Each structure stands twice: as structure tokens, then as C-alpha cells.
């Protein structure tokens, strides 16, 4: 299962599930250097950052932003 970190609130990461629902995950259960926008891969009891998916998402967002600024 994959989640995207939307934001941090106190000791929790507010994450969006693939179906669009939100879930809070205790920061203690996450890798140390996670940040907003990272995509997390959850398998069994393990949570890790999906580096490839995170980079692809960032690239897609950067392209959308570039296209938006070019339209003006």
C-alpha cells in the first residue's frame, strides 16, 4: 500500500491513501528524513520512502507548474 505525506501535525504525518482518504501515522514509525510530498511504501510492518515514485511525482508536479507559468 502507498501513502503520500500531505503535512505534519505535531507527532503525526497526515498522509493520503491511494483512494484519497487521509490517515495519521505516528512520526516515530516513519524513516527519519521523510518530508512532505514523499510517497511511502507500506509492506507488512515496514514503512519506507518509495524514492522512484517520489521523484516521478515531483517531476510531474514541476512540469505542471512549468506549463502553468508558460500560459501567462
PDB file of N, CA and C in Angstrom:
ATOM      1  N   UNK A   1       0.837  -1.168   0.000  1.00  0.00           N
ATOM      2  CA  UNK A   1       0.000   0.000   0.000  1.00  0.00           C
ATOM      3  C   UNK A   1       0.892   1.244   0.000  1.00  0.00           C
ATOM      4  N   UNK A   2       0.433   2.291  -0.659  1.00  0.00           N
ATOM      5  CA  UNK A   2       1.208   3.529  -0.730  1.00  0.00           C
ATOM      6  C   UNK A   2       0.421   4.688  -0.129  1.00  0.00           C
ATOM      7  N   UNK A   3       1.162   5.585   0.494  1.00  0.00           N
ATOM      8  CA  UNK A   3       0.620   6.809   1.068  1.00  0.00           C
ATOM      9  C   UNK A   3       1.504   7.972   0.626  1.00  0.00           C
ATOM     10  N   UNK A   4       0.911   9.157   0.507  1.00  0.00           N
ATOM     11  CA  UNK A   4       1.677  10.371   0.238  1.00  0.00           C
ATOM     12  C   UNK A   4       1.582  11.260   1.471  1.00  0.00           C
ATOM     13  N   UNK A   5       2.737  11.737   1.946  1.00  0.00           N
ATOM     14  CA  UNK A   5       2.730  12.633   3.107  1.00  0.00           C
ATOM     15  C   UNK A   5       2.215  14.001   2.656  1.00  0.00           C
ATOM     16  N   UNK A   6       1.098  14.396   3.222  1.00  0.00           N
ATOM     17  CA  UNK A   6       0.491  15.684   2.908  1.00  0.00           C
ATOM     18  C   UNK A   6       1.088  16.787   3.771  1.00  0.00           C
ATOM     19  N   UNK A   7       1.200  16.503   5.076  1.00  0.00           N
ATOM     20  CA  UNK A   7       1.727  17.509   6.004  1.00  0.00           C
ATOM     21  C   UNK A   7       2.032  16.832   7.331  1.00  0.00           C
ATOM     22  N   UNK A   8       2.668  17.593   8.213  1.00  0.00           N
ATOM     23  CA  UNK A   8       2.948  17.128   9.567  1.00  0.00           C
ATOM     24  C   UNK A   8       2.143  17.963  10.548  1.00  0.00           C
ATOM     25  N   UNK A   9       1.560  17.290  11.515  1.00  0.00           N
ATOM     26  CA  UNK A   9       0.831  17.965  12.592  1.00  0.00           C
ATOM     27  C   UNK A   9       1.297  17.336  13.900  1.00  0.00           C
ATOM     28  N   UNK A  10       2.102  18.067  14.641  1.00  0.00           N
ATOM     29  CA  UNK A  10       2.634  17.545  15.895  1.00  0.00           C
ATOM     30  C   UNK A  10       3.470  16.301  15.651  1.00  0.00           C
ATOM     31  N   UNK A  11       3.143  15.228  16.324  1.00  0.00           N
ATOM     32  CA  UNK A  11       3.891  13.977  16.195  1.00  0.00           C
ATOM     33  C   UNK A  11       3.364  13.074  15.093  1.00  0.00           C
ATOM     34  N   UNK A  12       2.497  13.598  14.248  1.00  0.00           N
ATOM     35  CA  UNK A  12       1.886  12.769  13.206  1.00  0.00           C
ATOM     36  C   UNK A  12       2.162  13.308  11.815  1.00  0.00           C
ATOM     37  N   UNK A  13       2.287  12.370  10.877  1.00  0.00           N
ATOM     38  CA  UNK A  13       2.305  12.704   9.456  1.00  0.00           C
ATOM     39  C   UNK A  13       0.889  12.450   8.955  1.00  0.00           C
ATOM     40  N   UNK A  14       0.280  13.461   8.360  1.00  0.00           N
ATOM     41  CA  UNK A  14      -1.044  13.303   7.774  1.00  0.00           C
ATOM     42  C   UNK A  14      -0.806  12.843   6.343  1.00  0.00           C
ATOM     43  N   UNK A  15      -1.286  11.640   6.039  1.00  0.00           N
ATOM     44  CA  UNK A  15      -0.985  11.007   4.760  1.00  0.00           C
ATOM     45  C   UNK A  15      -2.254  10.721   3.981  1.00  0.00           C
ATOM     46  N   UNK A  16      -2.121  10.802   2.657  1.00  0.00           N
ATOM     47  CA  UNK A  16      -3.244  10.484   1.783  1.00  0.00           C
ATOM     48  C   UNK A  16      -3.051   9.087   1.224  1.00  0.00           C
ATOM     49  N   UNK A  17      -4.086   8.265   1.377  1.00  0.00           N
ATOM     50  CA  UNK A  17      -4.066   6.919   0.805  1.00  0.00           C
ATOM     51  C   UNK A  17      -4.309   7.007  -0.700  1.00  0.00           C
ATOM     52  N   UNK A  18      -4.093   5.921  -1.394  1.00  0.00           N
ATOM     53  CA  UNK A  18      -4.310   5.881  -2.837  1.00  0.00           C
ATOM     54  C   UNK A  18      -5.769   6.152  -3.208  1.00  0.00           C
ATOM     55  N   UNK A  19      -6.700   5.854  -2.298  1.00  0.00           N
ATOM     56  CA  UNK A  19      -8.119   6.087  -2.581  1.00  0.00           C
ATOM     57  C   UNK A  19      -8.578   7.495  -2.205  1.00  0.00           C
ATOM     58  N   UNK A  20      -7.635   8.328  -1.739  1.00  0.00           N
ATOM     59  CA  UNK A  20      -7.945   9.717  -1.411  1.00  0.00           C
ATOM     60  C   UNK A  20      -8.300   9.968   0.043  1.00  0.00           C
ATOM     61  N   UNK A  21      -8.488   8.920   0.834  1.00  0.00           N
ATOM     62  CA  UNK A  21      -8.776   9.115   2.249  1.00  0.00           C
ATOM     63  C   UNK A  21      -7.483   9.460   2.990  1.00  0.00           C
ATOM     64  N   UNK A  22      -7.649  10.078   4.149  1.00  0.00           N
ATOM     65  CA  UNK A  22      -6.499  10.521   4.923  1.00  0.00           C
ATOM     66  C   UNK A  22      -6.293   9.617   6.132  1.00  0.00           C
ATOM     67  N   UNK A  23      -5.028   9.502   6.540  1.00  0.00           N
ATOM     68  CA  UNK A  23      -4.661   8.691   7.701  1.00  0.00           C
ATOM     69  C   UNK A  23      -3.521   9.397   8.429  1.00  0.00           C
ATOM     70  N   UNK A  24      -3.499   9.288   9.742  1.00  0.00           N
ATOM     71  CA  UNK A  24      -2.398   9.832  10.543  1.00  0.00           C
ATOM     72  C   UNK A  24      -1.450   8.694  10.899  1.00  0.00           C
ATOM     73  N   UNK A  25      -0.160   8.935  10.687  1.00  0.00           N
ATOM     74  CA  UNK A  25       0.861   7.950  11.040  1.00  0.00           C
ATOM     75  C   UNK A  25       1.820   8.613  12.016  1.00  0.00           C
ATOM     76  N   UNK A  26       2.066   7.968  13.137  1.00  0.00           N
ATOM     77  CA  UNK A  26       2.988   8.488  14.138  1.00  0.00           C
ATOM     78  C   UNK A  26       4.374   8.643  13.516  1.00  0.00           C
ATOM     79  N   UNK A  27       4.996   9.800  13.730  1.00  0.00           N
ATOM     80  CA  UNK A  27       6.323  10.072  13.154  1.00  0.00           C
ATOM     81  C   UNK A  27       7.370   9.061  13.596  1.00  0.00           C
ATOM     82  N   UNK A  28       7.188   8.489  14.786  1.00  0.00           N
ATOM     83  CA  UNK A  28       8.136   7.503  15.291  1.00  0.00           C
ATOM     84  C   UNK A  28       8.197   6.259  14.415  1.00  0.00           C
ATOM     85  N   UNK A  29       7.149   5.997  13.649  1.00  0.00           N
ATOM     86  CA  UNK A  29       7.096   4.808  12.795  1.00  0.00           C
ATOM     87  C   UNK A  29       7.659   5.057  11.396  1.00  0.00           C
ATOM     88  N   UNK A  30       8.026   6.316  11.104  1.00  0.00           N
ATOM     89  CA  UNK A  30       8.498   6.685   9.767  1.00  0.00           C
ATOM     90  C   UNK A  30      10.015   6.752   9.711  1.00  0.00           C
ATOM     91  N   UNK A  31      10.588   6.608   8.508  1.00  0.00           N
ATOM     92  CA  UNK A  31      12.024   6.838   8.369  1.00  0.00           C
ATOM     93  C   UNK A  31      12.367   8.258   8.827  1.00  0.00           C
ATOM     94  N   UNK A  32      13.582   8.456   9.296  1.00  0.00           N
ATOM     95  CA  UNK A  32      13.984   9.724   9.930  1.00  0.00           C
ATOM     96  C   UNK A  32      13.836  10.966   9.053  1.00  0.00           C
ATOM     97  N   UNK A  33      14.204  10.897   7.791  1.00  0.00           N
ATOM     98  CA  UNK A  33      14.290  12.104   6.970  1.00  0.00           C
ATOM     99  C   UNK A  33      13.124  12.262   5.989  1.00  0.00           C
ATOM    100  N   UNK A  34      11.942  11.763   6.350  1.00  0.00           N
ATOM    101  CA  UNK A  34      10.804  11.938   5.459  1.00  0.00           C
ATOM    102  C   UNK A  34      10.374  13.399   5.432  1.00  0.00           C
ATOM    103  N   UNK A  35       9.749  13.788   4.323  1.00  0.00           N
ATOM    104  CA  UNK A  35       9.289  15.165   4.183  1.00  0.00           C
ATOM    105  C   UNK A  35       7.952  15.187   3.455  1.00  0.00           C
ATOM    106  N   UNK A  36       7.303  16.319   3.497  1.00  0.00           N
ATOM    107  CA  UNK A  36       6.025  16.477   2.803  1.00  0.00           C
ATOM    108  C   UNK A  36       6.214  16.166   1.330  1.00  0.00           C
ATOM    109  N   UNK A  37       5.267  15.427   0.766  1.00  0.00           N
ATOM    110  CA  UNK A  37       5.332  15.056  -0.643  1.00  0.00           C
ATOM    111  C   UNK A  37       5.950  13.692  -0.887  1.00  0.00           C
ATOM    112  N   UNK A  38       6.655  13.147   0.106  1.00  0.00           N
ATOM    113  CA  UNK A  38       7.243  11.812  -0.064  1.00  0.00           C
ATOM    114  C   UNK A  38       6.137  10.773  -0.178  1.00  0.00           C
ATOM    115  N   UNK A  39       6.395   9.761  -0.993  1.00  0.00           N
ATOM    116  CA  UNK A  39       5.480   8.640  -1.120  1.00  0.00           C
ATOM    117  C   UNK A  39       6.038   7.496  -0.295  1.00  0.00           C
ATOM    118  N   UNK A  40       5.201   6.992   0.589  1.00  0.00           N
ATOM    119  CA  UNK A  40       5.607   5.917   1.485  1.00  0.00           C
ATOM    120  C   UNK A  40       5.074   4.590   0.973  1.00  0.00           C
ATOM    121  N   UNK A  41       5.907   3.576   1.069  1.00  0.00           N
ATOM    122  CA  UNK A  41       5.528   2.222   0.708  1.00  0.00           C
ATOM    123  C   UNK A  41       5.420   1.424   1.998  1.00  0.00           C
ATOM    124  N   UNK A  42       4.240   0.883   2.242  1.00  0.00           N
ATOM    125  CA  UNK A  42       3.997   0.129   3.472  1.00  0.00           C
ATOM    126  C   UNK A  42       3.838  -1.343   3.103  1.00  0.00           C
ATOM    127  N   UNK A  43       4.727  -2.166   3.653  1.00  0.00           N
ATOM    128  CA  UNK A  43       4.679  -3.605   3.427  1.00  0.00           C
ATOM    129  C   UNK A  43       4.844  -4.293   4.769  1.00  0.00           C
ATOM    130  N   UNK A  44       3.867  -5.097   5.139  1.00  0.00           N
ATOM    131  CA  UNK A  44       3.853  -5.773   6.433  1.00  0.00           C
ATOM    132  C   UNK A  44       3.991  -4.729   7.540  1.00  0.00           C
ATOM    133  N   UNK A  45       5.037  -4.799   8.346  1.00  0.00           N
ATOM    134  CA  UNK A  45       5.255  -3.821   9.419  1.00  0.00           C
ATOM    135  C   UNK A  45       6.321  -2.801   9.052  1.00  0.00           C
ATOM    136  N   UNK A  46       6.694  -2.743   7.783  1.00  0.00           N
ATOM    137  CA  UNK A  46       7.784  -1.882   7.328  1.00  0.00           C
ATOM    138  C   UNK A  46       7.236  -0.688   6.547  1.00  0.00           C
ATOM    139  N   UNK A  47       7.788   0.501   6.833  1.00  0.00           N
ATOM    140  CA  UNK A  47       7.441   1.715   6.094  1.00  0.00           C
ATOM    141  C   UNK A  47       8.737   2.308   5.561  1.00  0.00           C
ATOM    142  N   UNK A  48       8.780   2.513   4.242  1.00  0.00           N
ATOM    143  CA  UNK A  48       9.963   3.143   3.649  1.00  0.00           C
ATOM    144  C   UNK A  48       9.515   4.129   2.574  1.00  0.00           C
ATOM    145  N   UNK A  49      10.423   5.042   2.229  1.00  0.00           N
ATOM    146  CA  UNK A  49      10.141   6.018   1.185  1.00  0.00           C
ATOM    147  C   UNK A  49      10.332   5.334  -0.161  1.00  0.00           C
ATOM    148  N   UNK A  50       9.345   5.463  -1.036  1.00  0.00           N
ATOM    149  CA  UNK A  50       9.462   4.974  -2.404  1.00  0.00           C
ATOM    150  C   UNK A  50      10.141   6.079  -3.203  1.00  0.00           C
ATOM    151  N   UNK A  51      11.465   6.007  -3.263  1.00  0.00           N
ATOM    152  CA  UNK A  51      12.265   7.075  -3.887  1.00  0.00           C
ATOM    153  C   UNK A  51      11.877   7.291  -5.349  1.00  0.00           C
ATOM    154  N   UNK A  52      11.690   6.207  -6.094  1.00  0.00           N
ATOM    155  CA  UNK A  52      11.361   6.324  -7.516  1.00  0.00           C
ATOM    156  C   UNK A  52      10.020   7.023  -7.710  1.00  0.00           C
ATOM    157  N   UNK A  53       9.002   6.576  -6.986  1.00  0.00           N
ATOM    158  CA  UNK A  53       7.671   7.179  -7.109  1.00  0.00           C
ATOM    159  C   UNK A  53       7.678   8.640  -6.653  1.00  0.00           C
ATOM    160  N   UNK A  54       8.442   8.940  -5.608  1.00  0.00           N
ATOM    161  CA  UNK A  54       8.534  10.315  -5.117  1.00  0.00           C
ATOM    162  C   UNK A  54       9.165  11.219  -6.176  1.00  0.00           C
ATOM    163  N   UNK A  55      10.243  10.750  -6.807  1.00  0.00           N
ATOM    164  CA  UNK A  55      10.907  11.543  -7.862  1.00  0.00           C
ATOM    165  C   UNK A  55       9.986  11.744  -9.059  1.00  0.00           C
ATOM    166  N   UNK A  56       9.254  10.690  -9.457  1.00  0.00           N
ATOM    167  CA  UNK A  56       8.332  10.800 -10.585  1.00  0.00           C
ATOM    168  C   UNK A  56       7.212  11.789 -10.279  1.00  0.00           C
ATOM    169  N   UNK A  57       6.710  11.763  -9.045  1.00  0.00           N
ATOM    170  CA  UNK A  57       5.657  12.692  -8.641  1.00  0.00           C
ATOM    171  C   UNK A  57       6.160  14.125  -8.674  1.00  0.00           C
ATOM    172  N   UNK A  58       7.348  14.343  -8.147  1.00  0.00           N
ATOM    173  CA  UNK A  58       7.932  15.690  -8.154  1.00  0.00           C
ATOM    174  C   UNK A  58       8.137  16.186  -9.579  1.00  0.00           C
ATOM    175  N   UNK A  59       8.625  15.320 -10.434  1.00  0.00           N
ATOM    176  CA  UNK A  59       8.857  15.687 -11.832  1.00  0.00           C
ATOM    177  C   UNK A  59       7.537  16.078 -12.505  1.00  0.00           C
ATOM    178  N   UNK A  60       6.477  15.315 -12.238  1.00  0.00           N
ATOM    179  CA  UNK A  60       5.170  15.595 -12.808  1.00  0.00           C
ATOM    180  C   UNK A  60       4.630  16.944 -12.315  1.00  0.00           C
ATOM    181  N   UNK A  61       4.784  17.208 -11.029  1.00  0.00           N
ATOM    182  CA  UNK A  61       4.330  18.483 -10.458  1.00  0.00           C
ATOM    183  C   UNK A  61       5.143  19.646 -11.024  1.00  0.00           C
ATOM    184  N   UNK A  62       6.460  19.465 -11.142  1.00  0.00           N
ATOM    185  CA  UNK A  62       7.307  20.516 -11.720  1.00  0.00           C
ATOM    186  C   UNK A  62       6.879  20.842 -13.154  1.00  0.00           C
ATOM    187  N   UNK A  63       6.520  19.815 -13.922  1.00  0.00           N
ATOM    188  CA  UNK A  63       6.080  20.009 -15.306  1.00  0.00           C
ATOM    189  C   UNK A  63       4.763  20.776 -15.334  1.00  0.00           C
ATOM    190  N   UNK A  64       3.838  20.413 -14.453  1.00  0.00           N
ATOM    191  CA  UNK A  64       2.563  21.136 -14.379  1.00  0.00           C
ATOM    192  C   UNK A  64       2.779  22.604 -14.041  1.00  0.00           C
ATOM    193  N   UNK A  65       3.668  22.868 -13.095  1.00  0.00           N
ATOM    194  CA  UNK A  65       3.963  24.245 -12.704  1.00  0.00           C
ATOM    195  C   UNK A  65       4.601  25.009 -13.865  1.00  0.00           C
ATOM    196  N   UNK A  66       5.519  24.356 -14.562  1.00  0.00           N
ATOM    197  CA  UNK A  66       6.167  24.988 -15.723  1.00  0.00           C
ATOM    198  C   UNK A  66       5.135  25.334 -16.785  1.00  0.00           C
ATOM    199  N   UNK A  67       4.238  24.409 -17.080  1.00  0.00           N
ATOM    200  CA  UNK A  67       3.187  24.658 -18.076  1.00  0.00           C
ATOM    201  C   UNK A  67       2.265  25.786 -17.634  1.00  0.00           C
ATOM    202  N   UNK A  68       1.968  25.845 -16.355  1.00  0.00           N
ATOM    203  CA  UNK A  68       1.103  26.889 -15.821  1.00  0.00           C
ATOM    204  C   UNK A  68       1.728  28.272 -16.032  1.00  0.00           C
ATOM    205  N   UNK A  69       3.021  28.402 -15.739  1.00  0.00           N
ATOM    206  CA  UNK A  69       3.691  29.693 -15.881  1.00  0.00           C
ATOM    207  C   UNK A  69       3.855  30.085 -17.338  1.00  0.00           C
ATOM    208  N   UNK A  70       3.970  29.109 -18.236  1.00  0.00           N
ATOM    209  CA  UNK A  70       4.119  29.416 -19.661  1.00  0.00           C
ATOM    210  C   UNK A  70       2.838  29.942 -20.270  1.00  0.00           C
ATOM    211  N   UNK A  71       1.692  29.621 -19.690  1.00  0.00           N
ATOM    212  CA  UNK A  71       0.412  30.032 -20.234  1.00  0.00           C
ATOM    213  C   UNK A  71       0.123  31.507 -20.010  1.00  0.00           C
ATOM    214  N   UNK A  72       0.821  32.125 -19.110  1.00  0.00           N
ATOM    215  CA  UNK A  72       0.536  33.539 -18.807  1.00  0.00           C
ATOM    216  C   UNK A  72       1.118  34.464 -19.833  1.00  0.00           C
TER     217      UNK A  72
END
